[in-house]
Amino acid sequence: MSFFSFSSCPGFLFILRIVMYYFGCFFIHRLGFALVPWPSDFEVNYFPGFEPS
């Protein structure tokens, strides 16, 4: 698949990891499954614009 060609780009895995962490934290809070005790300061510092309900 042509998708794997992007993995050769520098920082692609880092960006993908950040995106997965962002959406993962978002969905965990929205669904109510707080499997990981995310500190509020962690959300503010690393996820700007994220508004926990």
PDB file of N, CA and C in Angstrom:
ATOM      1  N   MET A   1       0.839  -1.204   0.000  1.00  0.00           N
ATOM      2  CA  MET A   1       0.000   0.000   0.000  1.00  0.00           C
ATOM      3  C   MET A   1       0.871   1.250   0.000  1.00  0.00           C
ATOM      4  N   SER A   2       0.379   2.298  -0.619  1.00  0.00           N
ATOM      5  CA  SER A   2       1.151   3.538  -0.721  1.00  0.00           C
ATOM      6  C   SER A   2       1.242   4.248   0.630  1.00  0.00           C
ATOM      7  N   PHE A   3       0.392   3.860   1.561  1.00  0.00           N
ATOM      8  CA  PHE A   3       0.389   4.498   2.875  1.00  0.00           C
ATOM      9  C   PHE A   3       1.711   4.297   3.597  1.00  0.00           C
ATOM     10  N   PHE A   4       2.310   3.117   3.418  1.00  0.00           N
ATOM     11  CA  PHE A   4       3.551   2.807   4.122  1.00  0.00           C
ATOM     12  C   PHE A   4       4.713   3.661   3.625  1.00  0.00           C
ATOM     13  N   SER A   5       4.574   4.284   2.474  1.00  0.00           N
ATOM     14  CA  SER A   5       5.648   5.121   1.948  1.00  0.00           C
ATOM     15  C   SER A   5       5.855   6.354   2.827  1.00  0.00           C
ATOM     16  N   PHE A   6       4.793   6.759   3.531  1.00  0.00           N
ATOM     17  CA  PHE A   6       4.898   7.933   4.387  1.00  0.00           C
ATOM     18  C   PHE A   6       5.731   7.639   5.636  1.00  0.00           C
ATOM     19  N   SER A   7       5.851   6.373   5.985  1.00  0.00           N
ATOM     20  CA  SER A   7       6.596   6.013   7.192  1.00  0.00           C
ATOM     21  C   SER A   7       8.080   6.353   7.059  1.00  0.00           C
ATOM     22  N   SER A   8       8.549   6.534   5.826  1.00  0.00           N
ATOM     23  CA  SER A   8       9.952   6.863   5.609  1.00  0.00           C
ATOM     24  C   SER A   8      10.235   8.340   5.873  1.00  0.00           C
ATOM     25  N   CYS A   9       9.177   9.131   5.981  1.00  0.00           N
ATOM     26  CA  CYS A   9       9.358  10.565   6.218  1.00  0.00           C
ATOM     27  C   CYS A   9       9.786  10.800   7.665  1.00  0.00           C
ATOM     28  N   PRO A  10      10.751  11.704   7.884  1.00  0.00           N
ATOM     29  CA  PRO A  10      11.215  11.999   9.238  1.00  0.00           C
ATOM     30  C   PRO A  10      10.104  12.640  10.065  1.00  0.00           C
ATOM     31  N   GLY A  11       9.883  12.129  11.262  1.00  0.00           N
ATOM     32  CA  GLY A  11       8.897  12.728  12.150  1.00  0.00           C
ATOM     33  C   GLY A  11       7.479  12.247  11.905  1.00  0.00           C
ATOM     34  N   PHE A  12       7.290  11.373  10.901  1.00  0.00           N
ATOM     35  CA  PHE A  12       5.938  10.896  10.610  1.00  0.00           C
ATOM     36  C   PHE A  12       5.390  10.085  11.780  1.00  0.00           C
ATOM     37  N   LEU A  13       6.229   9.182  12.292  1.00  0.00           N
ATOM     38  CA  LEU A  13       5.794   8.350  13.410  1.00  0.00           C
ATOM     39  C   LEU A  13       5.539   9.204  14.649  1.00  0.00           C
ATOM     40  N   PHE A  14       6.337  10.244  14.824  1.00  0.00           N
ATOM     41  CA  PHE A  14       6.155  11.138  15.968  1.00  0.00           C
ATOM     42  C   PHE A  14       4.823  11.867  15.865  1.00  0.00           C
ATOM     43  N   ILE A  15       4.522  12.401  14.676  1.00  0.00           N
ATOM     44  CA  ILE A  15       3.264  13.113  14.460  1.00  0.00           C
ATOM     45  C   ILE A  15       2.086  12.156  14.631  1.00  0.00           C
ATOM     46  N   LEU A  16       2.220  10.955  14.077  1.00  0.00           N
ATOM     47  CA  LEU A  16       1.151   9.964  14.189  1.00  0.00           C
ATOM     48  C   LEU A  16       0.911   9.604  15.652  1.00  0.00           C
ATOM     49  N   ARG A  17       2.009   9.509  16.415  1.00  0.00           N
ATOM     50  CA  ARG A  17       1.893   9.185  17.835  1.00  0.00           C
ATOM     51  C   ARG A  17       1.171  10.294  18.588  1.00  0.00           C
ATOM     52  N   ILE A  18       1.508  11.551  18.274  1.00  0.00           N
ATOM     53  CA  ILE A  18       0.850  12.689  18.922  1.00  0.00           C
ATOM     54  C   ILE A  18      -0.638  12.695  18.598  1.00  0.00           C
ATOM     55  N   VAL A  19      -0.965  12.441  17.321  1.00  0.00           N
ATOM     56  CA  VAL A  19      -2.373  12.430  16.898  1.00  0.00           C
ATOM     57  C   VAL A  19      -3.136  11.320  17.616  1.00  0.00           C
ATOM     58  N   MET A  20      -2.508  10.149  17.723  1.00  0.00           N
ATOM     59  CA  MET A  20      -3.170   9.026  18.386  1.00  0.00           C
ATOM     60  C   MET A  20      -3.362   9.312  19.869  1.00  0.00           C
ATOM     61  N   TYR A  21      -2.372   9.946  20.505  1.00  0.00           N
ATOM     62  CA  TYR A  21      -2.517  10.309  21.908  1.00  0.00           C
ATOM     63  C   TYR A  21      -3.625  11.341  22.081  1.00  0.00           C
ATOM     64  N   TYR A  22      -3.697  12.315  21.156  1.00  0.00           N
ATOM     65  CA  TYR A  22      -4.696  13.374  21.252  1.00  0.00           C
ATOM     66  C   TYR A  22      -6.104  12.803  21.162  1.00  0.00           C
ATOM     67  N   PHE A  23      -6.350  12.017  20.091  1.00  0.00           N
ATOM     68  CA  PHE A  23      -7.680  11.442  19.903  1.00  0.00           C
ATOM     69  C   PHE A  23      -7.967  10.372  20.953  1.00  0.00           C
ATOM     70  N   GLY A  24      -6.923   9.664  21.380  1.00  0.00           N
ATOM     71  CA  GLY A  24      -7.113   8.645  22.408  1.00  0.00           C
ATOM     72  C   GLY A  24      -7.581   9.269  23.712  1.00  0.00           C
ATOM     73  N   CYS A  25      -6.930  10.351  24.121  1.00  0.00           N
ATOM     74  CA  CYS A  25      -7.308  11.052  25.338  1.00  0.00           C
ATOM     75  C   CYS A  25      -8.708  11.629  25.187  1.00  0.00           C
ATOM     76  N   PHE A  26      -9.010  12.164  24.006  1.00  0.00           N
ATOM     77  CA  PHE A  26     -10.312  12.773  23.747  1.00  0.00           C
ATOM     78  C   PHE A  26     -11.432  11.748  23.874  1.00  0.00           C
ATOM     79  N   PHE A  27     -11.270  10.609  23.186  1.00  0.00           N
ATOM     80  CA  PHE A  27     -12.317   9.588  23.193  1.00  0.00           C
ATOM     81  C   PHE A  27     -12.447   8.920  24.558  1.00  0.00           C
ATOM     82  N   ILE A  28     -11.315   8.767  25.268  1.00  0.00           N
ATOM     83  CA  ILE A  28     -11.366   8.172  26.601  1.00  0.00           C
ATOM     84  C   ILE A  28     -12.219   9.032  27.526  1.00  0.00           C
ATOM     85  N   HIS A  29     -12.067  10.353  27.451  1.00  0.00           N
ATOM     86  CA  HIS A  29     -12.846  11.243  28.302  1.00  0.00           C
ATOM     87  C   HIS A  29     -14.293  11.312  27.849  1.00  0.00           C
ATOM     88  N   ARG A  30     -14.516  11.340  26.538  1.00  0.00           N
ATOM     89  CA  ARG A  30     -15.873  11.448  26.015  1.00  0.00           C
ATOM     90  C   ARG A  30     -16.686  10.189  26.293  1.00  0.00           C
ATOM     91  N   LEU A  31     -16.046   9.028  26.166  1.00  0.00           N
ATOM     92  CA  LEU A  31     -16.758   7.770  26.387  1.00  0.00           C
ATOM     93  C   LEU A  31     -16.908   7.457  27.870  1.00  0.00           C
ATOM     94  N   GLY A  32     -16.092   8.135  28.677  1.00  0.00           N
ATOM     95  CA  GLY A  32     -16.213   7.950  30.116  1.00  0.00           C
ATOM     96  C   GLY A  32     -15.357   6.813  30.647  1.00  0.00           C
ATOM     97  N   PHE A  33     -14.540   6.202  29.789  1.00  0.00           N
ATOM     98  CA  PHE A  33     -13.677   5.118  30.243  1.00  0.00           C
ATOM     99  C   PHE A  33     -12.323   5.694  30.650  1.00  0.00           C
ATOM    100  N   ALA A  34     -12.237   6.118  31.895  1.00  0.00           N
ATOM    101  CA  ALA A  34     -10.988   6.724  32.374  1.00  0.00           C
ATOM    102  C   ALA A  34     -10.011   5.625  32.778  1.00  0.00           C
ATOM    103  N   LEU A  35      -9.522   4.879  31.787  1.00  0.00           N
ATOM    104  CA  LEU A  35      -8.583   3.791  32.069  1.00  0.00           C
ATOM    105  C   LEU A  35      -7.230   4.343  32.484  1.00  0.00           C
ATOM    106  N   VAL A  36      -6.909   5.536  31.975  1.00  0.00           N
ATOM    107  CA  VAL A  36      -5.638   6.162  32.318  1.00  0.00           C
ATOM    108  C   VAL A  36      -5.921   7.484  33.022  1.00  0.00           C
ATOM    109  N   PRO A  37      -5.436   7.668  34.248  1.00  0.00           N
ATOM    110  CA  PRO A  37      -5.669   8.906  34.994  1.00  0.00           C
ATOM    111  C   PRO A  37      -4.859  10.069  34.420  1.00  0.00           C
ATOM    112  N   TRP A  38      -5.394  10.672  33.360  1.00  0.00           N
ATOM    113  CA  TRP A  38      -4.686  11.791  32.721  1.00  0.00           C
ATOM    114  C   TRP A  38      -4.700  13.002  33.647  1.00  0.00           C
ATOM    115  N   PRO A  39      -3.527  13.523  34.025  1.00  0.00           N
ATOM    116  CA  PRO A  39      -3.469  14.748  34.830  1.00  0.00           C
ATOM    117  C   PRO A  39      -3.977  15.939  34.022  1.00  0.00           C
ATOM    118  N   SER A  40      -4.651  16.863  34.686  1.00  0.00           N
ATOM    119  CA  SER A  40      -5.196  18.021  33.989  1.00  0.00           C
ATOM    120  C   SER A  40      -4.076  18.879  33.397  1.00  0.00           C
ATOM    121  N   ASP A  41      -2.946  18.975  34.096  1.00  0.00           N
ATOM    122  CA  ASP A  41      -1.839  19.790  33.588  1.00  0.00           C
ATOM    123  C   ASP A  41      -1.235  19.154  32.341  1.00  0.00           C
ATOM    124  N   PHE A  42      -1.318  17.815  32.241  1.00  0.00           N
ATOM    125  CA  PHE A  42      -0.804  17.126  31.057  1.00  0.00           C
ATOM    126  C   PHE A  42      -1.646  17.490  29.839  1.00  0.00           C
ATOM    127  N   GLU A  43      -2.958  17.594  30.036  1.00  0.00           N
ATOM    128  CA  GLU A  43      -3.857  17.956  28.942  1.00  0.00           C
ATOM    129  C   GLU A  43      -3.609  19.397  28.502  1.00  0.00           C
ATOM    130  N   VAL A  44      -3.429  20.273  29.489  1.00  0.00           N
ATOM    131  CA  VAL A  44      -3.246  21.693  29.173  1.00  0.00           C
ATOM    132  C   VAL A  44      -1.922  21.930  28.459  1.00  0.00           C
ATOM    133  N   ASN A  45      -0.865  21.256  28.921  1.00  0.00           N
ATOM    134  CA  ASN A  45       0.464  21.499  28.362  1.00  0.00           C
ATOM    135  C   ASN A  45       0.667  20.837  27.007  1.00  0.00           C
ATOM    136  N   TYR A  46       0.192  19.596  26.862  1.00  0.00           N
ATOM    137  CA  TYR A  46       0.490  18.840  25.653  1.00  0.00           C
ATOM    138  C   TYR A  46      -0.670  18.781  24.674  1.00  0.00           C
ATOM    139  N   PHE A  47      -1.863  19.175  25.133  1.00  0.00           N
ATOM    140  CA  PHE A  47      -3.017  19.145  24.243  1.00  0.00           C
ATOM    141  C   PHE A  47      -3.715  20.502  24.256  1.00  0.00           C
ATOM    142  N   PRO A  48      -3.088  21.535  23.676  1.00  0.00           N
ATOM    143  CA  PRO A  48      -3.703  22.867  23.657  1.00  0.00           C
ATOM    144  C   PRO A  48      -5.005  22.836  22.879  1.00  0.00           C
ATOM    145  N   GLY A  49      -6.024  23.481  23.414  1.00  0.00           N
ATOM    146  CA  GLY A  49      -7.316  23.532  22.740  1.00  0.00           C
ATOM    147  C   GLY A  49      -8.239  22.414  23.172  1.00  0.00           C
ATOM    148  N   PHE A  50      -7.709  21.480  23.963  1.00  0.00           N
ATOM    149  CA  PHE A  50      -8.544  20.375  24.431  1.00  0.00           C
ATOM    150  C   PHE A  50      -9.355  20.825  25.629  1.00  0.00           C
ATOM    151  N   GLU A  51     -10.685  20.684  25.543  1.00  0.00           N
ATOM    152  CA  GLU A  51     -11.562  21.118  26.619  1.00  0.00           C
ATOM    153  C   GLU A  51     -12.202  19.903  27.278  1.00  0.00           C
ATOM    154  N   PRO A  52     -11.662  19.431  28.393  1.00  0.00           N
ATOM    155  CA  PRO A  52     -12.273  18.291  29.084  1.00  0.00           C
ATOM    156  C   PRO A  52     -13.623  18.666  29.666  1.00  0.00           C
ATOM    157  N   SER A  53     -14.599  17.814  29.487  1.00  0.00           N
ATOM    158  CA  SER A  53     -15.945  18.125  29.974  1.00  0.00           C
ATOM    159  C   SER A  53     -16.028  17.879  31.483  1.00  0.00           C
TER     160      SER A  53
END
